[in-house]
């Protein structure tokens, strides 16, 4: 299917968020939208979902979405 390894930029984000959560157990991440809406994060998430091949809860598959 292709390379589904996590890009370095996404790995760095995951590592930083994990370290912050572990260091400060009571910390609340109020502003994650800017991080999850990054182009590299969305592209990787899309590729992972597409590789699954299963339709979503609405019954639409990727062929429908890409048409």
C-alpha atoms as a PDB file:
ATOM      1  CA  UNK A   1       0.000   0.000   0.000  1.00  0.00           C
ATOM      2  CA  UNK A   2       2.844   2.387   0.610  1.00  0.00           C
ATOM      3  CA  UNK A   3       4.846   3.776   3.443  1.00  0.00           C
ATOM      4  CA  UNK A   4       2.686   4.286   6.537  1.00  0.00           C
ATOM      5  CA  UNK A   5       5.559   5.050   8.877  1.00  0.00           C
ATOM      6  CA  UNK A   6       4.940   8.119  11.000  1.00  0.00           C
ATOM      7  CA  UNK A   7       6.679  11.221   9.610  1.00  0.00           C
ATOM      8  CA  UNK A   8       9.418  12.732  11.757  1.00  0.00           C
ATOM      9  CA  UNK A   9       7.475  15.958  12.279  1.00  0.00           C
ATOM     10  CA  UNK A  10       4.469  14.034  13.616  1.00  0.00           C
ATOM     11  CA  UNK A  11       6.724  11.899  15.814  1.00  0.00           C
ATOM     12  CA  UNK A  12       8.247  15.053  17.310  1.00  0.00           C
ATOM     13  CA  UNK A  13       4.780  16.431  18.092  1.00  0.00           C
ATOM     14  CA  UNK A  14       3.698  13.133  19.669  1.00  0.00           C
ATOM     15  CA  UNK A  15       6.877  12.990  21.756  1.00  0.00           C
ATOM     16  CA  UNK A  16       6.500  16.573  22.976  1.00  0.00           C
ATOM     17  CA  UNK A  17       2.843  16.085  23.929  1.00  0.00           C
ATOM     18  CA  UNK A  18       3.629  12.803  25.669  1.00  0.00           C
ATOM     19  CA  UNK A  19       6.509  14.337  27.631  1.00  0.00           C
ATOM     20  CA  UNK A  20       4.348  17.272  28.756  1.00  0.00           C
ATOM     21  CA  UNK A  21       1.529  14.953  29.844  1.00  0.00           C
ATOM     22  CA  UNK A  22       3.918  12.721  31.788  1.00  0.00           C
ATOM     23  CA  UNK A  23       5.770  15.619  33.412  1.00  0.00           C
ATOM     24  CA  UNK A  24       2.617  17.420  34.566  1.00  0.00           C
ATOM     25  CA  UNK A  25      -0.181  14.962  35.267  1.00  0.00           C
ATOM     26  CA  UNK A  26      -2.696  17.731  36.021  1.00  0.00           C
ATOM     27  CA  UNK A  27      -1.905  19.770  32.904  1.00  0.00           C
ATOM     28  CA  UNK A  28      -4.844  20.419  30.585  1.00  0.00           C
ATOM     29  CA  UNK A  29      -4.260  20.750  26.860  1.00  0.00           C
ATOM     30  CA  UNK A  30      -6.762  23.465  26.012  1.00  0.00           C
ATOM     31  CA  UNK A  31      -5.410  24.399  22.593  1.00  0.00           C
ATOM     32  CA  UNK A  32      -4.741  21.217  20.632  1.00  0.00           C
ATOM     33  CA  UNK A  33      -6.713  22.218  17.549  1.00  0.00           C
ATOM     34  CA  UNK A  34      -3.764  24.068  16.036  1.00  0.00           C
ATOM     35  CA  UNK A  35      -1.652  20.956  16.477  1.00  0.00           C
ATOM     36  CA  UNK A  36      -4.036  18.334  15.110  1.00  0.00           C
ATOM     37  CA  UNK A  37      -5.031  20.511  12.170  1.00  0.00           C
ATOM     38  CA  UNK A  38      -1.484  20.736  10.838  1.00  0.00           C
ATOM     39  CA  UNK A  39      -1.145  19.540   7.261  1.00  0.00           C
ATOM     40  CA  UNK A  40       1.413  16.836   8.110  1.00  0.00           C
ATOM     41  CA  UNK A  41      -0.745  15.433  10.924  1.00  0.00           C
ATOM     42  CA  UNK A  42      -3.901  15.402   8.796  1.00  0.00           C
ATOM     43  CA  UNK A  43      -2.114  13.842   5.816  1.00  0.00           C
ATOM     44  CA  UNK A  44      -0.734  11.048   7.981  1.00  0.00           C
ATOM     45  CA  UNK A  45      -4.118  10.433   9.644  1.00  0.00           C
ATOM     46  CA  UNK A  46      -5.812  10.325   6.234  1.00  0.00           C
ATOM     47  CA  UNK A  47      -3.264   7.823   4.913  1.00  0.00           C
ATOM     48  CA  UNK A  48      -3.732   5.586   7.959  1.00  0.00           C
ATOM     49  CA  UNK A  49      -7.528   5.653   7.686  1.00  0.00           C
ATOM     50  CA  UNK A  50      -7.408   5.058   3.942  1.00  0.00           C
ATOM     51  CA  UNK A  51      -5.153   2.037   4.387  1.00  0.00           C
ATOM     52  CA  UNK A  52      -7.772   0.499   6.672  1.00  0.00           C
ATOM     53  CA  UNK A  53     -10.232   0.352   3.770  1.00  0.00           C
ATOM     54  CA  UNK A  54     -13.331   0.054   5.951  1.00  0.00           C
ATOM     55  CA  UNK A  55     -16.187   2.521   5.450  1.00  0.00           C
ATOM     56  CA  UNK A  56     -16.948   5.041   8.191  1.00  0.00           C
ATOM     57  CA  UNK A  57     -19.973   5.060  10.471  1.00  0.00           C
ATOM     58  CA  UNK A  58     -21.902   6.854   7.723  1.00  0.00           C
ATOM     59  CA  UNK A  59     -21.233   3.980   5.319  1.00  0.00           C
ATOM     60  CA  UNK A  60     -19.149   6.082   2.936  1.00  0.00           C
ATOM     61  CA  UNK A  61     -15.817   4.684   1.817  1.00  0.00           C
ATOM     62  CA  UNK A  62     -12.798   6.505   0.414  1.00  0.00           C
ATOM     63  CA  UNK A  63     -13.919   5.962  -3.177  1.00  0.00           C
ATOM     64  CA  UNK A  64     -17.051   8.002  -2.351  1.00  0.00           C
ATOM     65  CA  UNK A  65     -15.042  10.726  -0.654  1.00  0.00           C
ATOM     66  CA  UNK A  66     -12.505  11.020  -3.449  1.00  0.00           C
ATOM     67  CA  UNK A  67     -15.120  11.098  -6.218  1.00  0.00           C
END
